[in-house]
Amino acid sequence: MRFLAALLAGLSLAAPAWAGDLVVTLTSSAGLATADAVVMVRVQAPPREPIRFPWANRMAQRNLRFEPSVLIVPVGAEVAFPNLDPVKHHVYSFSAPKPFELKLYGRDETRRVTFDKPGVIAIGCNIHDDMSAFIRVVDTPHAAKSDAAGTVTLRDLPAGPAQVTVWHPYMKTPRGEIARAVTIPSTGVLRLALTGDLRARRIAHGGY
């Protein structure tokens, strides 16, 4: 019994404190909410399990658009690219972390790509130049997109020092990012309000 009690006590001391929440709100200098910004939090403790998110690793082509226009996936994820349009698409990227090309394929066909390096992947269609989207490949389990109010809530983060990075494909900052060093509380909520302006969406036939 004494051994079991000591073992349980040791495990409880070794376990991280999963109690702090982080709420990040991103707005423009004019006070407008910024949706589809990716918030990533890196903490000192490495992930104990493979990174998984509650949404699908999927970027569809529908109504001559990519859905979603911004997708977060973990390193090593296989992403499905189903074509739901009545026309053919030719999906590609020239981005350094994972250049690829999915040559012409039609309705109800699906192609897949595995993303094995973190970074930004700009996606385009070689047939329809105004189709564009982005995949942010991350190496942290603490990541999510801002909603229509420009807000992201990340729950149950380990208490202690952390690096918060906010990225948007059209943000007017170096690499489209804003970074802040924070301390996640052992209880309660840390609220972080950030300001970043966006440049106009640019139709580009090329990489990021």
N, C-alpha and C. Protein backbone atom coordinates (compact mmCIF):
# COMPACT_ATOMS: atom_id res chain seq x y z
N MET A 1 0.83 -1.20 0.00
CA MET A 1 0.00 0.00 0.00
C MET A 1 0.86 1.26 0.00
N ARG A 2 1.94 1.21 0.85
CA ARG A 2 2.82 2.39 0.89
C ARG A 2 3.47 2.63 -0.47
N PHE A 3 3.88 1.53 -1.11
CA PHE A 3 4.51 1.67 -2.43
C PHE A 3 3.52 2.26 -3.44
N LEU A 4 2.27 1.77 -3.41
CA LEU A 4 1.25 2.28 -4.33
C LEU A 4 0.96 3.75 -4.08
N ALA A 5 0.88 4.13 -2.80
CA ALA A 5 0.63 5.54 -2.48
C ALA A 5 1.77 6.42 -2.96
N ALA A 6 3.01 5.94 -2.76
CA ALA A 6 4.17 6.72 -3.19
C ALA A 6 4.20 6.85 -4.71
N LEU A 7 3.83 5.75 -5.41
CA LEU A 7 3.81 5.77 -6.87
C LEU A 7 2.78 6.77 -7.38
N LEU A 8 1.58 6.74 -6.79
CA LEU A 8 0.54 7.67 -7.22
C LEU A 8 0.93 9.11 -6.93
N ALA A 9 1.58 9.33 -5.82
CA ALA A 9 2.02 10.68 -5.48
C ALA A 9 3.06 11.16 -6.48
N GLY A 10 3.99 10.26 -6.86
CA GLY A 10 5.00 10.64 -7.83
C GLY A 10 4.42 10.96 -9.18
N LEU A 11 3.42 10.16 -9.58
CA LEU A 11 2.78 10.43 -10.87
C LEU A 11 2.04 11.75 -10.84
N SER A 12 1.40 12.07 -9.73
CA SER A 12 0.66 13.32 -9.65
C SER A 12 1.59 14.51 -9.70
N LEU A 13 2.79 14.36 -9.10
CA LEU A 13 3.76 15.46 -9.17
C LEU A 13 4.34 15.61 -10.56
N ALA A 14 4.48 14.48 -11.28
CA ALA A 14 5.06 14.54 -12.63
C ALA A 14 4.08 15.06 -13.65
N ALA A 15 2.79 14.93 -13.38
CA ALA A 15 1.79 15.35 -14.36
C ALA A 15 1.73 16.86 -14.45
N PRO A 16 1.57 17.43 -15.65
CA PRO A 16 1.48 18.87 -15.80
C PRO A 16 0.14 19.39 -15.30
N ALA A 17 0.10 20.68 -15.00
CA ALA A 17 -1.16 21.31 -14.57
C ALA A 17 -1.94 21.69 -15.82
N TRP A 18 -3.07 21.03 -16.05
CA TRP A 18 -3.90 21.31 -17.23
C TRP A 18 -5.11 22.11 -16.79
N ALA A 19 -4.89 23.38 -16.47
CA ALA A 19 -5.99 24.14 -15.89
C ALA A 19 -6.22 25.49 -16.55
N GLY A 20 -5.22 26.01 -17.25
CA GLY A 20 -5.34 27.36 -17.77
C GLY A 20 -6.00 27.42 -19.14
N ASP A 21 -6.82 28.45 -19.34
CA ASP A 21 -7.42 28.70 -20.65
C ASP A 21 -6.84 29.98 -21.23
N LEU A 22 -6.81 30.04 -22.56
CA LEU A 22 -6.33 31.22 -23.26
C LEU A 22 -7.39 31.67 -24.26
N VAL A 23 -7.74 32.95 -24.20
CA VAL A 23 -8.67 33.54 -25.16
C VAL A 23 -7.93 34.63 -25.91
N VAL A 24 -7.81 34.48 -27.23
CA VAL A 24 -7.12 35.45 -28.07
C VAL A 24 -8.15 36.10 -28.99
N THR A 25 -8.11 37.43 -29.05
CA THR A 25 -8.99 38.17 -29.95
C THR A 25 -8.14 39.02 -30.88
N LEU A 26 -8.39 38.89 -32.19
CA LEU A 26 -7.63 39.63 -33.19
C LEU A 26 -8.56 40.58 -33.93
N THR A 27 -8.18 41.86 -33.95
CA THR A 27 -8.96 42.87 -34.67
C THR A 27 -8.01 43.74 -35.49
N SER A 28 -8.58 44.46 -36.45
CA SER A 28 -7.81 45.43 -37.22
C SER A 28 -7.67 46.71 -36.40
N SER A 29 -6.86 47.64 -36.90
CA SER A 29 -6.70 48.92 -36.21
C SER A 29 -8.00 49.71 -36.21
N ALA A 30 -8.92 49.38 -37.12
CA ALA A 30 -10.24 50.02 -37.15
C ALA A 30 -11.24 49.32 -36.25
N GLY A 31 -10.80 48.26 -35.57
CA GLY A 31 -11.69 47.55 -34.66
C GLY A 31 -12.51 46.45 -35.29
N LEU A 32 -12.20 46.10 -36.53
CA LEU A 32 -12.95 45.04 -37.21
C LEU A 32 -12.40 43.66 -36.83
N ALA A 33 -13.29 42.71 -36.59
CA ALA A 33 -12.88 41.37 -36.21
C ALA A 33 -12.20 40.66 -37.38
N THR A 34 -11.20 39.84 -37.06
CA THR A 34 -10.47 39.09 -38.08
C THR A 34 -10.76 37.61 -37.93
N ALA A 35 -11.50 37.07 -38.88
CA ALA A 35 -11.81 35.64 -38.87
C ALA A 35 -10.71 34.86 -39.59
N ASP A 36 -10.68 33.56 -39.33
CA ASP A 36 -9.77 32.62 -40.00
C ASP A 36 -8.29 32.90 -39.73
N ALA A 37 -8.00 33.54 -38.61
CA ALA A 37 -6.60 33.65 -38.17
C ALA A 37 -6.27 32.39 -37.38
N VAL A 38 -5.07 31.89 -37.57
CA VAL A 38 -4.63 30.67 -36.88
C VAL A 38 -3.84 31.07 -35.64
N VAL A 39 -4.29 30.58 -34.50
CA VAL A 39 -3.58 30.81 -33.23
C VAL A 39 -2.89 29.52 -32.83
N MET A 40 -1.58 29.61 -32.61
CA MET A 40 -0.79 28.45 -32.20
C MET A 40 -0.10 28.76 -30.87
N VAL A 41 -0.14 27.84 -29.94
CA VAL A 41 0.50 28.00 -28.65
C VAL A 41 1.52 26.90 -28.47
N ARG A 42 2.74 27.29 -28.19
CA ARG A 42 3.80 26.33 -27.91
C ARG A 42 4.18 26.43 -26.45
N VAL A 43 4.15 25.30 -25.78
CA VAL A 43 4.47 25.24 -24.36
C VAL A 43 5.76 24.45 -24.18
N GLN A 44 6.26 24.42 -22.94
CA GLN A 44 7.54 23.75 -22.69
C GLN A 44 7.44 22.25 -22.81
N ALA A 45 6.31 21.68 -22.38
CA ALA A 45 6.16 20.23 -22.43
C ALA A 45 5.82 19.78 -23.85
N PRO A 46 6.54 18.80 -24.39
CA PRO A 46 6.22 18.31 -25.74
C PRO A 46 4.94 17.49 -25.71
N PRO A 47 4.27 17.34 -26.87
CA PRO A 47 3.05 16.52 -26.91
C PRO A 47 3.33 15.09 -26.48
N ARG A 48 2.43 14.54 -25.67
CA ARG A 48 2.59 13.16 -25.20
C ARG A 48 2.01 12.15 -26.18
N GLU A 49 1.09 12.61 -27.03
CA GLU A 49 0.40 11.73 -27.96
C GLU A 49 0.44 12.35 -29.35
N PRO A 50 0.16 11.56 -30.38
CA PRO A 50 0.06 12.15 -31.73
C PRO A 50 -0.95 13.27 -31.75
N ILE A 51 -0.65 14.32 -32.51
CA ILE A 51 -1.53 15.49 -32.56
C ILE A 51 -2.74 15.18 -33.44
N ARG A 52 -3.93 15.44 -32.88
CA ARG A 52 -5.17 15.28 -33.63
C ARG A 52 -6.08 16.46 -33.34
N PHE A 53 -6.81 16.89 -34.33
CA PHE A 53 -7.77 17.97 -34.16
C PHE A 53 -9.18 17.44 -34.42
N PRO A 54 -10.21 18.11 -33.88
CA PRO A 54 -11.58 17.59 -34.02
C PRO A 54 -12.17 17.76 -35.41
N TRP A 55 -11.55 18.56 -36.27
CA TRP A 55 -12.06 18.74 -37.62
C TRP A 55 -11.36 17.78 -38.59
N ALA A 56 -11.93 17.62 -39.76
CA ALA A 56 -11.39 16.69 -40.75
C ALA A 56 -10.19 17.29 -41.46
N ASN A 57 -9.24 16.44 -41.82
CA ASN A 57 -8.11 16.84 -42.66
C ASN A 57 -8.59 16.80 -44.12
N ARG A 58 -9.32 17.83 -44.49
CA ARG A 58 -10.04 17.80 -45.77
C ARG A 58 -10.19 19.22 -46.31
N MET A 59 -9.87 19.39 -47.59
CA MET A 59 -10.07 20.67 -48.27
C MET A 59 -10.78 20.37 -49.60
N ALA A 60 -12.06 20.65 -49.63
CA ALA A 60 -12.88 20.31 -50.79
C ALA A 60 -12.86 21.44 -51.82
N GLN A 61 -13.22 21.09 -53.03
CA GLN A 61 -13.46 22.07 -54.09
C GLN A 61 -14.95 22.07 -54.38
N ARG A 62 -15.59 23.21 -54.04
CA ARG A 62 -17.04 23.30 -54.18
C ARG A 62 -17.39 24.72 -54.63
N ASN A 63 -18.25 24.82 -55.66
CA ASN A 63 -18.66 26.13 -56.17
C ASN A 63 -17.46 27.00 -56.56
N LEU A 64 -16.46 26.33 -57.15
CA LEU A 64 -15.23 27.00 -57.61
C LEU A 64 -14.52 27.73 -56.47
N ARG A 65 -14.57 27.11 -55.30
CA ARG A 65 -13.85 27.62 -54.14
C ARG A 65 -13.27 26.44 -53.37
N PHE A 66 -12.23 26.73 -52.58
CA PHE A 66 -11.74 25.72 -51.65
C PHE A 66 -12.47 25.88 -50.33
N GLU A 67 -12.88 24.77 -49.74
CA GLU A 67 -13.56 24.78 -48.45
C GLU A 67 -12.88 23.78 -47.52
N PRO A 68 -12.34 24.29 -46.39
CA PRO A 68 -12.28 25.68 -45.95
C PRO A 68 -11.18 26.44 -46.67
N SER A 69 -11.19 27.76 -46.54
CA SER A 69 -10.15 28.56 -47.18
C SER A 69 -8.86 28.55 -46.37
N VAL A 70 -8.97 28.25 -45.08
CA VAL A 70 -7.80 28.07 -44.21
C VAL A 70 -8.02 26.80 -43.40
N LEU A 71 -7.05 25.90 -43.46
CA LEU A 71 -7.15 24.62 -42.77
C LEU A 71 -5.91 24.42 -41.91
N ILE A 72 -6.13 23.97 -40.67
CA ILE A 72 -5.02 23.62 -39.78
C ILE A 72 -4.90 22.10 -39.73
N VAL A 73 -3.69 21.58 -39.94
CA VAL A 73 -3.46 20.15 -39.82
C VAL A 73 -2.15 19.91 -39.08
N PRO A 74 -2.01 18.78 -38.40
CA PRO A 74 -0.75 18.47 -37.74
C PRO A 74 0.29 17.92 -38.71
N VAL A 75 1.54 18.04 -38.34
CA VAL A 75 2.61 17.45 -39.15
C VAL A 75 2.35 15.96 -39.32
N GLY A 76 2.49 15.49 -40.54
CA GLY A 76 2.26 14.09 -40.85
C GLY A 76 0.86 13.77 -41.30
N ALA A 77 -0.03 14.77 -41.35
CA ALA A 77 -1.41 14.53 -41.73
C ALA A 77 -1.55 14.28 -43.22
N GLU A 78 -2.45 13.37 -43.56
CA GLU A 78 -2.85 13.17 -44.94
C GLU A 78 -4.13 13.96 -45.17
N VAL A 79 -4.10 14.87 -46.12
CA VAL A 79 -5.24 15.75 -46.39
C VAL A 79 -5.93 15.28 -47.67
N ALA A 80 -7.26 15.16 -47.58
CA ALA A 80 -8.06 14.78 -48.75
C ALA A 80 -8.49 16.03 -49.51
N PHE A 81 -8.44 15.96 -50.84
CA PHE A 81 -8.87 17.06 -51.71
C PHE A 81 -9.98 16.55 -52.63
N PRO A 82 -11.21 16.41 -52.13
CA PRO A 82 -12.30 15.95 -52.99
C PRO A 82 -12.80 17.05 -53.91
N ASN A 83 -13.11 16.68 -55.14
CA ASN A 83 -13.70 17.61 -56.10
C ASN A 83 -15.21 17.41 -56.08
N LEU A 84 -15.95 18.40 -55.60
CA LEU A 84 -17.41 18.35 -55.54
C LEU A 84 -18.06 19.21 -56.62
N ASP A 85 -17.25 19.73 -57.53
CA ASP A 85 -17.75 20.58 -58.62
C ASP A 85 -18.03 19.75 -59.87
N PRO A 86 -18.88 20.26 -60.76
CA PRO A 86 -19.14 19.56 -62.02
C PRO A 86 -18.05 19.78 -63.07
N VAL A 87 -17.00 20.49 -62.70
CA VAL A 87 -15.87 20.74 -63.61
C VAL A 87 -14.60 20.15 -63.01
N LYS A 88 -13.59 20.00 -63.84
CA LYS A 88 -12.32 19.45 -63.36
C LYS A 88 -11.46 20.53 -62.70
N HIS A 89 -10.63 20.10 -61.76
CA HIS A 89 -9.69 21.00 -61.10
C HIS A 89 -8.28 20.40 -61.18
N HIS A 90 -7.31 21.28 -61.07
CA HIS A 90 -5.90 20.91 -61.09
C HIS A 90 -5.26 21.62 -59.90
N VAL A 91 -5.19 20.94 -58.77
CA VAL A 91 -4.77 21.55 -57.50
C VAL A 91 -3.25 21.46 -57.38
N TYR A 92 -2.63 22.53 -56.88
CA TYR A 92 -1.17 22.55 -56.80
C TYR A 92 -0.70 23.49 -55.69
N SER A 93 0.57 23.36 -55.34
CA SER A 93 1.23 24.31 -54.46
C SER A 93 2.71 24.35 -54.81
N PHE A 94 3.28 25.55 -54.76
CA PHE A 94 4.72 25.73 -54.92
C PHE A 94 5.40 26.01 -53.59
N SER A 95 4.68 25.94 -52.50
CA SER A 95 5.23 26.31 -51.19
C SER A 95 6.33 25.35 -50.76
N ALA A 96 7.39 25.91 -50.17
CA ALA A 96 8.59 25.13 -49.85
C ALA A 96 8.34 23.93 -48.93
N PRO A 97 7.48 24.02 -47.91
CA PRO A 97 7.31 22.84 -47.05
C PRO A 97 6.75 21.63 -47.77
N LYS A 98 5.96 21.85 -48.85
CA LYS A 98 5.39 20.71 -49.56
C LYS A 98 4.87 21.12 -50.93
N PRO A 99 5.74 21.24 -51.92
CA PRO A 99 5.24 21.45 -53.28
C PRO A 99 4.58 20.17 -53.79
N PHE A 100 3.46 20.32 -54.49
CA PHE A 100 2.78 19.15 -55.02
C PHE A 100 1.90 19.57 -56.19
N GLU A 101 1.42 18.57 -56.93
CA GLU A 101 0.55 18.81 -58.07
C GLU A 101 -0.43 17.66 -58.20
N LEU A 102 -1.73 18.00 -58.19
CA LEU A 102 -2.78 17.01 -58.40
C LEU A 102 -3.41 17.32 -59.75
N LYS A 103 -3.00 16.59 -60.75
CA LYS A 103 -3.42 16.91 -62.11
C LYS A 103 -4.91 16.67 -62.29
N LEU A 104 -5.43 17.21 -63.38
CA LEU A 104 -6.87 17.27 -63.63
C LEU A 104 -7.64 16.03 -63.13
N TYR A 105 -8.64 16.31 -62.29
CA TYR A 105 -9.54 15.24 -61.86
C TYR A 105 -10.94 15.82 -61.68
N GLY A 106 -11.94 14.95 -61.85
CA GLY A 106 -13.31 15.42 -61.96
C GLY A 106 -14.17 15.23 -60.73
N ARG A 107 -15.45 15.44 -60.93
CA ARG A 107 -16.43 15.41 -59.85
C ARG A 107 -16.44 14.06 -59.13
N ASP A 108 -16.53 14.14 -57.79
CA ASP A 108 -16.60 12.99 -56.90
C ASP A 108 -15.31 12.16 -56.90
N GLU A 109 -14.25 12.74 -57.44
CA GLU A 109 -12.93 12.12 -57.31
C GLU A 109 -12.17 12.82 -56.18
N THR A 110 -11.29 12.08 -55.53
CA THR A 110 -10.52 12.63 -54.41
C THR A 110 -9.04 12.29 -54.58
N ARG A 111 -8.22 13.26 -54.31
CA ARG A 111 -6.78 13.05 -54.27
C ARG A 111 -6.30 13.36 -52.84
N ARG A 112 -5.15 12.82 -52.46
CA ARG A 112 -4.63 13.00 -51.10
C ARG A 112 -3.16 13.37 -51.12
N VAL A 113 -2.78 14.20 -50.15
CA VAL A 113 -1.39 14.63 -50.00
C VAL A 113 -1.02 14.56 -48.52
N THR A 114 0.17 14.05 -48.22
CA THR A 114 0.67 14.01 -46.85
C THR A 114 1.62 15.17 -46.63
N PHE A 115 1.41 15.91 -45.55
CA PHE A 115 2.22 17.09 -45.24
C PHE A 115 3.13 16.76 -44.06
N ASP A 116 4.43 16.60 -44.35
CA ASP A 116 5.36 16.09 -43.36
C ASP A 116 6.27 17.14 -42.75
N LYS A 117 6.05 18.42 -43.08
CA LYS A 117 6.86 19.49 -42.50
C LYS A 117 5.93 20.63 -42.07
N PRO A 118 6.25 21.29 -40.94
CA PRO A 118 5.42 22.42 -40.53
C PRO A 118 5.63 23.62 -41.44
N GLY A 119 4.63 24.48 -41.52
CA GLY A 119 4.75 25.69 -42.32
C GLY A 119 3.46 26.04 -43.01
N VAL A 120 3.55 27.00 -43.92
CA VAL A 120 2.40 27.50 -44.66
C VAL A 120 2.39 26.91 -46.06
N ILE A 121 1.24 26.37 -46.45
CA ILE A 121 1.07 25.82 -47.78
C ILE A 121 0.00 26.63 -48.50
N ALA A 122 0.39 27.36 -49.54
CA ALA A 122 -0.57 28.10 -50.35
C ALA A 122 -1.07 27.20 -51.46
N ILE A 123 -2.39 27.11 -51.59
CA ILE A 123 -3.04 26.19 -52.53
C ILE A 123 -3.68 26.99 -53.65
N GLY A 124 -3.56 26.49 -54.87
CA GLY A 124 -4.22 27.12 -56.01
C GLY A 124 -4.77 26.07 -56.96
N CYS A 125 -5.52 26.55 -57.95
CA CYS A 125 -6.02 25.68 -59.02
C CYS A 125 -5.44 26.18 -60.33
N ASN A 126 -4.85 25.28 -61.10
CA ASN A 126 -4.19 25.67 -62.33
C ASN A 126 -5.18 26.00 -63.44
N ILE A 127 -6.45 25.72 -63.20
CA ILE A 127 -7.49 26.02 -64.19
C ILE A 127 -8.24 27.30 -63.83
N HIS A 128 -8.45 27.50 -62.53
CA HIS A 128 -9.23 28.65 -62.05
C HIS A 128 -8.33 29.50 -61.14
N ASP A 129 -7.78 30.57 -61.70
CA ASP A 129 -6.77 31.35 -60.99
C ASP A 129 -7.30 32.06 -59.75
N ASP A 130 -8.62 32.28 -59.66
CA ASP A 130 -9.14 32.98 -58.49
C ASP A 130 -9.45 32.04 -57.33
N MET A 131 -9.17 30.75 -57.49
CA MET A 131 -9.31 29.81 -56.39
C MET A 131 -8.00 29.78 -55.59
N SER A 132 -8.11 30.06 -54.31
CA SER A 132 -6.92 30.02 -53.46
C SER A 132 -7.32 29.61 -52.04
N ALA A 133 -6.38 29.00 -51.34
CA ALA A 133 -6.61 28.59 -49.96
C ALA A 133 -5.24 28.36 -49.31
N PHE A 134 -5.26 28.11 -48.00
CA PHE A 134 -4.02 27.93 -47.26
C PHE A 134 -4.17 26.81 -46.25
N ILE A 135 -3.11 26.03 -46.13
CA ILE A 135 -3.01 25.02 -45.08
C ILE A 135 -1.88 25.42 -44.16
N ARG A 136 -2.16 25.48 -42.87
CA ARG A 136 -1.11 25.74 -41.88
C ARG A 136 -0.81 24.41 -41.19
N VAL A 137 0.37 23.89 -41.46
CA VAL A 137 0.81 22.63 -40.87
C VAL A 137 1.52 22.95 -39.56
N VAL A 138 1.04 22.39 -38.46
CA VAL A 138 1.55 22.78 -37.14
C VAL A 138 2.16 21.59 -36.41
N ASP A 139 3.06 21.91 -35.47
CA ASP A 139 3.69 20.88 -34.66
C ASP A 139 3.30 21.02 -33.19
N THR A 140 2.16 21.66 -32.94
CA THR A 140 1.63 21.79 -31.58
C THR A 140 0.17 21.35 -31.57
N PRO A 141 -0.29 20.70 -30.49
CA PRO A 141 -1.70 20.33 -30.41
C PRO A 141 -2.59 21.50 -30.02
N HIS A 142 -1.98 22.62 -29.64
CA HIS A 142 -2.74 23.78 -29.18
C HIS A 142 -2.85 24.79 -30.32
N ALA A 143 -3.84 24.59 -31.18
CA ALA A 143 -4.02 25.45 -32.34
C ALA A 143 -5.49 25.47 -32.73
N ALA A 144 -5.95 26.63 -33.22
CA ALA A 144 -7.33 26.76 -33.66
C ALA A 144 -7.46 28.04 -34.47
N LYS A 145 -8.60 28.17 -35.20
CA LYS A 145 -8.88 29.35 -36.02
C LYS A 145 -9.82 30.30 -35.30
N SER A 146 -9.65 31.59 -35.59
CA SER A 146 -10.56 32.58 -35.02
C SER A 146 -11.92 32.50 -35.70
N ASP A 147 -12.97 32.80 -34.93
CA ASP A 147 -14.33 32.77 -35.45
C ASP A 147 -14.69 34.12 -36.05
N ALA A 148 -15.97 34.32 -36.36
CA ALA A 148 -16.41 35.56 -37.00
C ALA A 148 -16.18 36.78 -36.11
N ALA A 149 -16.07 36.56 -34.81
CA ALA A 149 -15.80 37.66 -33.88
C ALA A 149 -14.31 37.89 -33.68
N GLY A 150 -13.48 37.13 -34.41
CA GLY A 150 -12.03 37.27 -34.29
C GLY A 150 -11.46 36.62 -33.05
N THR A 151 -12.19 35.68 -32.46
CA THR A 151 -11.81 35.10 -31.17
C THR A 151 -11.47 33.62 -31.28
N VAL A 152 -10.45 33.22 -30.54
CA VAL A 152 -10.06 31.81 -30.41
C VAL A 152 -9.99 31.50 -28.92
N THR A 153 -10.56 30.38 -28.51
CA THR A 153 -10.43 29.92 -27.13
C THR A 153 -9.73 28.57 -27.12
N LEU A 154 -8.61 28.51 -26.42
CA LEU A 154 -7.86 27.26 -26.26
C LEU A 154 -7.91 26.89 -24.78
N ARG A 155 -8.43 25.71 -24.50
CA ARG A 155 -8.67 25.31 -23.11
C ARG A 155 -7.65 24.29 -22.62
N ASP A 156 -7.52 24.26 -21.30
CA ASP A 156 -6.71 23.24 -20.61
C ASP A 156 -5.26 23.24 -21.09
N LEU A 157 -4.67 24.41 -21.13
CA LEU A 157 -3.26 24.52 -21.48
C LEU A 157 -2.41 24.32 -20.23
N PRO A 158 -1.23 23.72 -20.35
CA PRO A 158 -0.37 23.56 -19.18
C PRO A 158 0.10 24.91 -18.67
N ALA A 159 0.04 25.09 -17.37
CA ALA A 159 0.44 26.36 -16.77
C ALA A 159 1.93 26.60 -16.97
N GLY A 160 2.29 27.86 -17.15
CA GLY A 160 3.69 28.22 -17.29
C GLY A 160 3.95 29.04 -18.55
N PRO A 161 5.25 29.27 -18.85
CA PRO A 161 5.61 30.08 -20.01
C PRO A 161 5.13 29.43 -21.32
N ALA A 162 4.72 30.27 -22.25
CA ALA A 162 4.26 29.79 -23.56
C ALA A 162 4.49 30.87 -24.61
N GLN A 163 4.59 30.43 -25.84
CA GLN A 163 4.72 31.34 -26.97
C GLN A 163 3.45 31.28 -27.79
N VAL A 164 2.79 32.42 -27.97
CA VAL A 164 1.57 32.50 -28.75
C VAL A 164 1.91 33.13 -30.11
N THR A 165 1.55 32.44 -31.18
CA THR A 165 1.75 32.96 -32.52
C THR A 165 0.41 33.02 -33.23
N VAL A 166 0.10 34.18 -33.78
CA VAL A 166 -1.13 34.36 -34.56
C VAL A 166 -0.73 34.61 -36.00
N TRP A 167 -1.31 33.83 -36.90
CA TRP A 167 -0.97 33.93 -38.33
C TRP A 167 -2.24 34.09 -39.15
N HIS A 168 -2.15 34.96 -40.14
CA HIS A 168 -3.22 35.09 -41.14
C HIS A 168 -2.55 35.28 -42.49
N PRO A 169 -3.06 34.64 -43.55
CA PRO A 169 -2.37 34.71 -44.85
C PRO A 169 -2.24 36.12 -45.41
N TYR A 170 -3.08 37.07 -44.96
CA TYR A 170 -3.04 38.42 -45.52
C TYR A 170 -2.67 39.48 -44.49
N MET A 171 -2.09 39.06 -43.36
CA MET A 171 -1.73 40.03 -42.35
C MET A 171 -0.51 40.84 -42.78
N LYS A 172 -0.55 42.14 -42.51
CA LYS A 172 0.53 43.05 -42.91
C LYS A 172 1.66 43.04 -41.88
N THR A 173 2.23 41.90 -41.66
CA THR A 173 3.36 41.75 -40.75
C THR A 173 4.35 40.77 -41.39
N PRO A 174 5.60 40.75 -40.94
CA PRO A 174 6.54 39.77 -41.48
C PRO A 174 6.01 38.35 -41.32
N ARG A 175 5.97 37.63 -42.42
CA ARG A 175 5.49 36.24 -42.47
C ARG A 175 4.02 36.13 -42.09
N GLY A 176 3.32 37.26 -42.01
CA GLY A 176 1.91 37.22 -41.66
C GLY A 176 1.64 36.82 -40.23
N GLU A 177 2.60 37.08 -39.33
CA GLU A 177 2.50 36.59 -37.97
C GLU A 177 2.63 37.71 -36.93
N ILE A 178 2.04 37.46 -35.78
CA ILE A 178 2.27 38.24 -34.56
C ILE A 178 2.60 37.23 -33.47
N ALA A 179 3.66 37.46 -32.72
CA ALA A 179 4.08 36.53 -31.66
C ALA A 179 4.15 37.26 -30.32
N ARG A 180 3.74 36.58 -29.27
CA ARG A 180 3.81 37.11 -27.92
C ARG A 180 4.23 36.01 -26.95
N ALA A 181 5.07 36.38 -26.00
CA ALA A 181 5.41 35.49 -24.90
C ALA A 181 4.41 35.73 -23.77
N VAL A 182 3.83 34.67 -23.25
CA VAL A 182 2.82 34.79 -22.19
C VAL A 182 3.11 33.76 -21.10
N THR A 183 2.40 33.89 -20.01
CA THR A 183 2.43 32.88 -18.95
C THR A 183 1.00 32.38 -18.75
N ILE A 184 0.79 31.12 -19.01
CA ILE A 184 -0.54 30.52 -18.85
C ILE A 184 -0.80 30.34 -17.35
N PRO A 185 -1.93 30.81 -16.85
CA PRO A 185 -2.21 30.66 -15.42
C PRO A 185 -2.54 29.23 -15.05
N SER A 186 -2.33 28.89 -13.78
CA SER A 186 -2.67 27.54 -13.31
C SER A 186 -4.17 27.38 -13.15
N THR A 187 -4.89 28.48 -12.98
CA THR A 187 -6.35 28.45 -12.95
C THR A 187 -6.86 29.69 -13.68
N GLY A 188 -8.08 29.63 -14.14
CA GLY A 188 -8.69 30.80 -14.76
C GLY A 188 -8.34 30.96 -16.22
N VAL A 189 -8.52 32.20 -16.70
CA VAL A 189 -8.40 32.50 -18.13
C VAL A 189 -7.44 33.66 -18.34
N LEU A 190 -6.55 33.51 -19.31
CA LEU A 190 -5.70 34.60 -19.77
C LEU A 190 -6.31 35.13 -21.06
N ARG A 191 -6.55 36.44 -21.11
CA ARG A 191 -7.12 37.06 -22.31
C ARG A 191 -6.06 37.91 -22.99
N LEU A 192 -5.94 37.73 -24.29
CA LEU A 192 -4.92 38.42 -25.07
C LEU A 192 -5.59 39.08 -26.26
N ALA A 193 -5.52 40.41 -26.33
CA ALA A 193 -6.10 41.16 -27.45
C ALA A 193 -4.97 41.66 -28.34
N LEU A 194 -5.04 41.35 -29.63
CA LEU A 194 -4.00 41.72 -30.57
C LEU A 194 -4.61 42.49 -31.74
N THR A 195 -3.79 43.35 -32.33
CA THR A 195 -4.24 44.15 -33.46
C THR A 195 -3.34 43.88 -34.67
N GLY A 196 -3.97 43.61 -35.79
CA GLY A 196 -3.21 43.39 -37.02
C GLY A 196 -4.07 43.70 -38.23
N ASP A 197 -3.57 44.51 -39.13
CA ASP A 197 -4.32 44.87 -40.34
C ASP A 197 -4.03 43.87 -41.45
N LEU A 198 -5.01 43.70 -42.33
CA LEU A 198 -4.90 42.77 -43.45
C LEU A 198 -4.76 43.53 -44.75
N ARG A 199 -3.94 42.98 -45.65
CA ARG A 199 -3.88 43.54 -46.99
C ARG A 199 -5.01 42.95 -47.82
N ALA A 200 -5.31 43.59 -48.93
CA ALA A 200 -6.38 43.10 -49.80
C ALA A 200 -6.00 41.72 -50.33
N ARG A 201 -7.01 40.88 -50.47
CA ARG A 201 -6.78 39.55 -51.02
C ARG A 201 -6.23 39.68 -52.43
N ARG A 202 -5.16 38.94 -52.68
CA ARG A 202 -4.48 39.02 -53.97
C ARG A 202 -4.63 37.72 -54.73
N ILE A 203 -5.09 37.80 -55.95
CA ILE A 203 -5.15 36.62 -56.80
C ILE A 203 -3.75 36.34 -57.32
N ALA A 204 -3.21 35.20 -56.95
CA ALA A 204 -1.82 34.90 -57.31
C ALA A 204 -1.73 33.54 -57.97
N HIS A 205 -0.98 33.47 -59.04
CA HIS A 205 -0.74 32.20 -59.72
C HIS A 205 0.66 31.77 -59.38
N GLY A 206 0.81 31.27 -58.15
CA GLY A 206 2.15 30.89 -57.73
C GLY A 206 2.15 30.52 -56.27
N GLY A 207 3.32 30.57 -55.65
CA GLY A 207 3.47 30.12 -54.27
C GLY A 207 3.30 31.21 -53.27
N TYR A 208 3.50 30.83 -52.02
CA TYR A 208 3.33 31.75 -50.90
C TYR A 208 4.64 32.45 -50.57
